[in-house]
């Protein structure tokens, strides 16, 4: 995925270009779907001393300006990704929490039309597909194979 000119993005959103904002955008670009704590750690590694609250404030400002997208999946902490305005959805593993992007299922945004819109003008549909990822399924199969092998009686050699 090509790198984005974060300076132009900030200016285009009417935000001042600051080191914490640039570092936060770069951290989210390098670590999509990271939570605020992980992003704060990367920003601190990049800039040195930056408070947790400063990073949270930047995440909120960038999200409010539509430069970042908050991703909420169940009871997990909020995760962040660059807002590419591409109408993608997410796959999440119920076991390990792996989160992956998936393109819109069918059609144009919002790509899912509800049976009843209750007078709303629908703009976006956020879809989270839940399941078990291939790594967890392989681990389950290996565990089952090991359990089956351990449960087999030893061959009678007498």
C-alpha atoms as a PDB file:
ATOM      1  CA  UNK A   1       0.000   0.000   0.000  1.00  0.00           C
ATOM      2  CA  UNK A   2       1.574   3.332  -0.984  1.00  0.00           C
ATOM      3  CA  UNK A   3       2.578   5.773   1.718  1.00  0.00           C
ATOM      4  CA  UNK A   4       0.384   8.806   2.226  1.00  0.00           C
ATOM      5  CA  UNK A   5       1.638  12.395   2.426  1.00  0.00           C
ATOM      6  CA  UNK A   6       0.599  13.008   6.027  1.00  0.00           C
ATOM      7  CA  UNK A   7       1.570  16.683   5.956  1.00  0.00           C
ATOM      8  CA  UNK A   8      -0.816  17.357   3.061  1.00  0.00           C
ATOM      9  CA  UNK A   9      -3.515  15.252   4.701  1.00  0.00           C
ATOM     10  CA  UNK A  10      -3.296  17.299   7.909  1.00  0.00           C
ATOM     11  CA  UNK A  11      -3.379  20.592   6.020  1.00  0.00           C
ATOM     12  CA  UNK A  12      -6.257  19.357   3.876  1.00  0.00           C
ATOM     13  CA  UNK A  13      -8.207  18.570   7.045  1.00  0.00           C
ATOM     14  CA  UNK A  14      -7.513  22.055   8.401  1.00  0.00           C
ATOM     15  CA  UNK A  15      -5.220  20.781  11.155  1.00  0.00           C
ATOM     16  CA  UNK A  16      -1.845  22.172  12.168  1.00  0.00           C
ATOM     17  CA  UNK A  17       1.099  20.022  11.183  1.00  0.00           C
ATOM     18  CA  UNK A  18       2.787  18.934  14.423  1.00  0.00           C
ATOM     19  CA  UNK A  19       5.339  16.261  15.239  1.00  0.00           C
ATOM     20  CA  UNK A  20       2.904  14.249  17.412  1.00  0.00           C
ATOM     21  CA  UNK A  21       0.269  14.248  14.654  1.00  0.00           C
ATOM     22  CA  UNK A  22       2.773  13.200  12.000  1.00  0.00           C
ATOM     23  CA  UNK A  23       4.230  10.506  14.264  1.00  0.00           C
ATOM     24  CA  UNK A  24       0.745   9.200  15.100  1.00  0.00           C
ATOM     25  CA  UNK A  25      -0.273   8.999  11.444  1.00  0.00           C
ATOM     26  CA  UNK A  26       2.989   7.219  10.614  1.00  0.00           C
ATOM     27  CA  UNK A  27       2.486   4.791  13.519  1.00  0.00           C
ATOM     28  CA  UNK A  28      -1.045   3.920  12.428  1.00  0.00           C
ATOM     29  CA  UNK A  29       0.082   3.516   8.821  1.00  0.00           C
ATOM     30  CA  UNK A  30       2.880   1.159   9.907  1.00  0.00           C
ATOM     31  CA  UNK A  31       0.673  -0.736  12.404  1.00  0.00           C
ATOM     32  CA  UNK A  32      -2.905  -0.837  11.122  1.00  0.00           C
ATOM     33  CA  UNK A  33      -5.484  -2.004  13.666  1.00  0.00           C
ATOM     34  CA  UNK A  34      -3.235  -1.143  16.616  1.00  0.00           C
ATOM     35  CA  UNK A  35      -4.840   0.105  19.810  1.00  0.00           C
ATOM     36  CA  UNK A  36      -4.051   3.443  21.449  1.00  0.00           C
ATOM     37  CA  UNK A  37      -1.450   1.965  23.815  1.00  0.00           C
ATOM     38  CA  UNK A  38       0.500   0.342  20.978  1.00  0.00           C
ATOM     39  CA  UNK A  39       0.311   3.554  18.938  1.00  0.00           C
ATOM     40  CA  UNK A  40       1.496   5.597  21.938  1.00  0.00           C
ATOM     41  CA  UNK A  41       4.480   3.267  22.337  1.00  0.00           C
ATOM     42  CA  UNK A  42       5.488   3.711  18.683  1.00  0.00           C
ATOM     43  CA  UNK A  43       5.041   7.491  18.924  1.00  0.00           C
ATOM     44  CA  UNK A  44       7.207   7.604  22.074  1.00  0.00           C
ATOM     45  CA  UNK A  45       9.894   5.541  20.315  1.00  0.00           C
ATOM     46  CA  UNK A  46       9.792   8.044  17.458  1.00  0.00           C
ATOM     47  CA  UNK A  47       9.620  11.320  19.400  1.00  0.00           C
ATOM     48  CA  UNK A  48      10.835  10.547  22.886  1.00  0.00           C
ATOM     49  CA  UNK A  49       8.705  11.907  25.689  1.00  0.00           C
ATOM     50  CA  UNK A  50       5.055  12.167  24.680  1.00  0.00           C
ATOM     51  CA  UNK A  51       2.307  11.670  27.227  1.00  0.00           C
ATOM     52  CA  UNK A  52      -0.334   9.015  26.817  1.00  0.00           C
ATOM     53  CA  UNK A  53      -2.999  11.735  27.019  1.00  0.00           C
ATOM     54  CA  UNK A  54      -1.346  13.683  24.187  1.00  0.00           C
ATOM     55  CA  UNK A  55      -1.490  10.611  21.948  1.00  0.00           C
ATOM     56  CA  UNK A  56      -5.141   9.985  22.898  1.00  0.00           C
ATOM     57  CA  UNK A  57      -5.929  13.631  22.096  1.00  0.00           C
ATOM     58  CA  UNK A  58      -4.200  13.317  18.709  1.00  0.00           C
ATOM     59  CA  UNK A  59      -6.042  10.061  17.939  1.00  0.00           C
ATOM     60  CA  UNK A  60      -9.356  11.760  18.714  1.00  0.00           C
ATOM     61  CA  UNK A  61      -8.524  14.841  16.628  1.00  0.00           C
ATOM     62  CA  UNK A  62      -7.379  12.749  13.664  1.00  0.00           C
ATOM     63  CA  UNK A  63     -10.456  10.528  13.915  1.00  0.00           C
ATOM     64  CA  UNK A  64     -12.771  13.543  14.147  1.00  0.00           C
ATOM     65  CA  UNK A  65     -11.063  14.956  11.027  1.00  0.00           C
ATOM     66  CA  UNK A  66     -11.645  11.635   9.166  1.00  0.00           C
ATOM     67  CA  UNK A  67      -7.923  10.992   8.782  1.00  0.00           C
ATOM     68  CA  UNK A  68      -8.156   7.948  11.061  1.00  0.00           C
ATOM     69  CA  UNK A  69     -10.933   5.421  11.399  1.00  0.00           C
ATOM     70  CA  UNK A  70     -11.819   3.890  14.746  1.00  0.00           C
ATOM     71  CA  UNK A  71     -12.504   0.168  14.569  1.00  0.00           C
ATOM     72  CA  UNK A  72     -14.576  -1.323  17.374  1.00  0.00           C
ATOM     73  CA  UNK A  73     -14.993  -5.083  17.452  1.00  0.00           C
ATOM     74  CA  UNK A  74     -16.829  -6.393  20.467  1.00  0.00           C
ATOM     75  CA  UNK A  75     -15.386  -5.776  23.906  1.00  0.00           C
ATOM     76  CA  UNK A  76     -11.852  -5.151  22.676  1.00  0.00           C
ATOM     77  CA  UNK A  77     -10.150  -1.782  22.966  1.00  0.00           C
ATOM     78  CA  UNK A  78     -10.641   0.654  20.107  1.00  0.00           C
ATOM     79  CA  UNK A  79      -8.272   0.062  17.228  1.00  0.00           C
ATOM     80  CA  UNK A  80      -7.213   2.557  14.577  1.00  0.00           C
ATOM     81  CA  UNK A  81      -6.464   2.545  10.879  1.00  0.00           C
ATOM     82  CA  UNK A  82      -5.894   5.215   8.268  1.00  0.00           C
ATOM     83  CA  UNK A  83      -9.253   6.318   6.893  1.00  0.00           C
ATOM     84  CA  UNK A  84      -8.911   5.569   3.200  1.00  0.00           C
ATOM     85  CA  UNK A  85     -12.625   6.119   2.452  1.00  0.00           C
ATOM     86  CA  UNK A  86     -12.669   2.808   0.584  1.00  0.00           C
ATOM     87  CA  UNK A  87     -15.742   1.289   2.275  1.00  0.00           C
ATOM     88  CA  UNK A  88     -13.971  -1.841   3.498  1.00  0.00           C
ATOM     89  CA  UNK A  89     -15.109  -4.071   6.335  1.00  0.00           C
ATOM     90  CA  UNK A  90     -13.313  -6.355   8.790  1.00  0.00           C
ATOM     91  CA  UNK A  91     -12.758 -10.014   9.635  1.00  0.00           C
ATOM     92  CA  UNK A  92     -12.006 -10.803  13.274  1.00  0.00           C
ATOM     93  CA  UNK A  93     -10.895 -14.119  14.742  1.00  0.00           C
ATOM     94  CA  UNK A  94     -12.919 -15.133  17.804  1.00  0.00           C
ATOM     95  CA  UNK A  95      -9.896 -16.940  19.248  1.00  0.00           C
ATOM     96  CA  UNK A  96      -6.791 -14.813  18.770  1.00  0.00           C
ATOM     97  CA  UNK A  97      -8.370 -11.478  17.881  1.00  0.00           C
ATOM     98  CA  UNK A  98      -6.606 -11.157  14.523  1.00  0.00           C
ATOM     99  CA  UNK A  99      -8.244  -8.349  12.549  1.00  0.00           C
ATOM    100  CA  UNK A 100      -8.066  -8.144   8.769  1.00  0.00           C
ATOM    101  CA  UNK A 101      -9.543  -5.808   6.166  1.00  0.00           C
ATOM    102  CA  UNK A 102     -11.992  -7.207   3.640  1.00  0.00           C
ATOM    103  CA  UNK A 103     -13.461  -5.306   0.686  1.00  0.00           C
ATOM    104  CA  UNK A 104     -17.134  -4.436   0.582  1.00  0.00           C
ATOM    105  CA  UNK A 105     -19.225  -7.540  -0.069  1.00  0.00           C
ATOM    106  CA  UNK A 106     -21.296  -6.250  -2.980  1.00  0.00           C
ATOM    107  CA  UNK A 107     -22.061  -2.917  -4.592  1.00  0.00           C
ATOM    108  CA  UNK A 108     -21.407   0.691  -3.723  1.00  0.00           C
ATOM    109  CA  UNK A 109     -21.323   2.313  -0.301  1.00  0.00           C
ATOM    110  CA  UNK A 110     -23.024   1.623   2.024  1.00  0.00           C
ATOM    111  CA  UNK A 111     -23.242  -1.823   0.341  1.00  0.00           C
ATOM    112  CA  UNK A 112     -25.875  -3.125   2.729  1.00  0.00           C
ATOM    113  CA  UNK A 113     -29.393  -1.776   2.616  1.00  0.00           C
ATOM    114  CA  UNK A 114     -31.539  -2.485   5.706  1.00  0.00           C
ATOM    115  CA  UNK A 115     -35.142  -3.613   5.377  1.00  0.00           C
ATOM    116  CA  UNK A 116     -36.234  -0.539   7.364  1.00  0.00           C
ATOM    117  CA  UNK A 117     -34.276   2.706   7.420  1.00  0.00           C
ATOM    118  CA  UNK A 118     -36.453   4.477  10.045  1.00  0.00           C
ATOM    119  CA  UNK A 119     -36.082   7.766   8.193  1.00  0.00           C
ATOM    120  CA  UNK A 120     -32.287   7.687   8.195  1.00  0.00           C
ATOM    121  CA  UNK A 121     -30.227   8.614   5.171  1.00  0.00           C
ATOM    122  CA  UNK A 122     -27.750   5.710   5.329  1.00  0.00           C
ATOM    123  CA  UNK A 123     -24.151   6.762   4.651  1.00  0.00           C
ATOM    124  CA  UNK A 124     -21.974   3.899   5.896  1.00  0.00           C
ATOM    125  CA  UNK A 125     -22.374   0.247   6.801  1.00  0.00           C
ATOM    126  CA  UNK A 126     -19.754  -1.145   9.191  1.00  0.00           C
ATOM    127  CA  UNK A 127     -19.606  -4.908   8.913  1.00  0.00           C
ATOM    128  CA  UNK A 128     -17.561  -7.219  11.115  1.00  0.00           C
ATOM    129  CA  UNK A 129     -17.333 -10.836  10.040  1.00  0.00           C
ATOM    130  CA  UNK A 130     -16.482 -13.092  12.976  1.00  0.00           C
ATOM    131  CA  UNK A 131     -14.961 -16.535  12.714  1.00  0.00           C
ATOM    132  CA  UNK A 132     -11.791 -18.506  13.327  1.00  0.00           C
ATOM    133  CA  UNK A 133      -8.667 -17.661  11.343  1.00  0.00           C
ATOM    134  CA  UNK A 134      -6.583 -20.232   9.479  1.00  0.00           C
ATOM    135  CA  UNK A 135      -3.764 -20.123  12.067  1.00  0.00           C
ATOM    136  CA  UNK A 136      -6.150 -20.913  14.946  1.00  0.00           C
ATOM    137  CA  UNK A 137      -7.850 -23.668  12.930  1.00  0.00           C
ATOM    138  CA  UNK A 138      -4.438 -25.229  12.206  1.00  0.00           C
ATOM    139  CA  UNK A 139      -3.522 -25.006  15.895  1.00  0.00           C
ATOM    140  CA  UNK A 140      -6.853 -26.658  16.808  1.00  0.00           C
ATOM    141  CA  UNK A 141      -6.186 -29.465  14.314  1.00  0.00           C
ATOM    142  CA  UNK A 142      -2.668 -30.012  15.688  1.00  0.00           C
ATOM    143  CA  UNK A 143      -4.003 -30.082  19.254  1.00  0.00           C
ATOM    144  CA  UNK A 144      -6.711 -32.572  18.264  1.00  0.00           C
ATOM    145  CA  UNK A 145      -4.136 -34.775  16.503  1.00  0.00           C
ATOM    146  CA  UNK A 146      -1.849 -34.717  19.552  1.00  0.00           C
ATOM    147  CA  UNK A 147      -4.754 -35.578  21.855  1.00  0.00           C
ATOM    148  CA  UNK A 148      -5.828 -38.454  19.605  1.00  0.00           C
ATOM    149  CA  UNK A 149      -2.274 -39.810  19.517  1.00  0.00           C
ATOM    150  CA  UNK A 150      -1.954 -39.590  23.310  1.00  0.00           C
ATOM    151  CA  UNK A 151      -5.307 -41.331  23.796  1.00  0.00           C
ATOM    152  CA  UNK A 152      -4.392 -44.344  21.665  1.00  0.00           C
ATOM    153  CA  UNK A 153      -3.442 -47.400  23.664  1.00  0.00           C
ATOM    154  CA  UNK A 154       0.152 -48.519  23.355  1.00  0.00           C
ATOM    155  CA  UNK A 155       0.622 -51.499  21.047  1.00  0.00           C
ATOM    156  CA  UNK A 156       0.650 -54.834  22.851  1.00  0.00           C
ATOM    157  CA  UNK A 157       4.128 -56.299  22.476  1.00  0.00           C
ATOM    158  CA  UNK A 158       3.617 -59.399  24.626  1.00  0.00           C
END
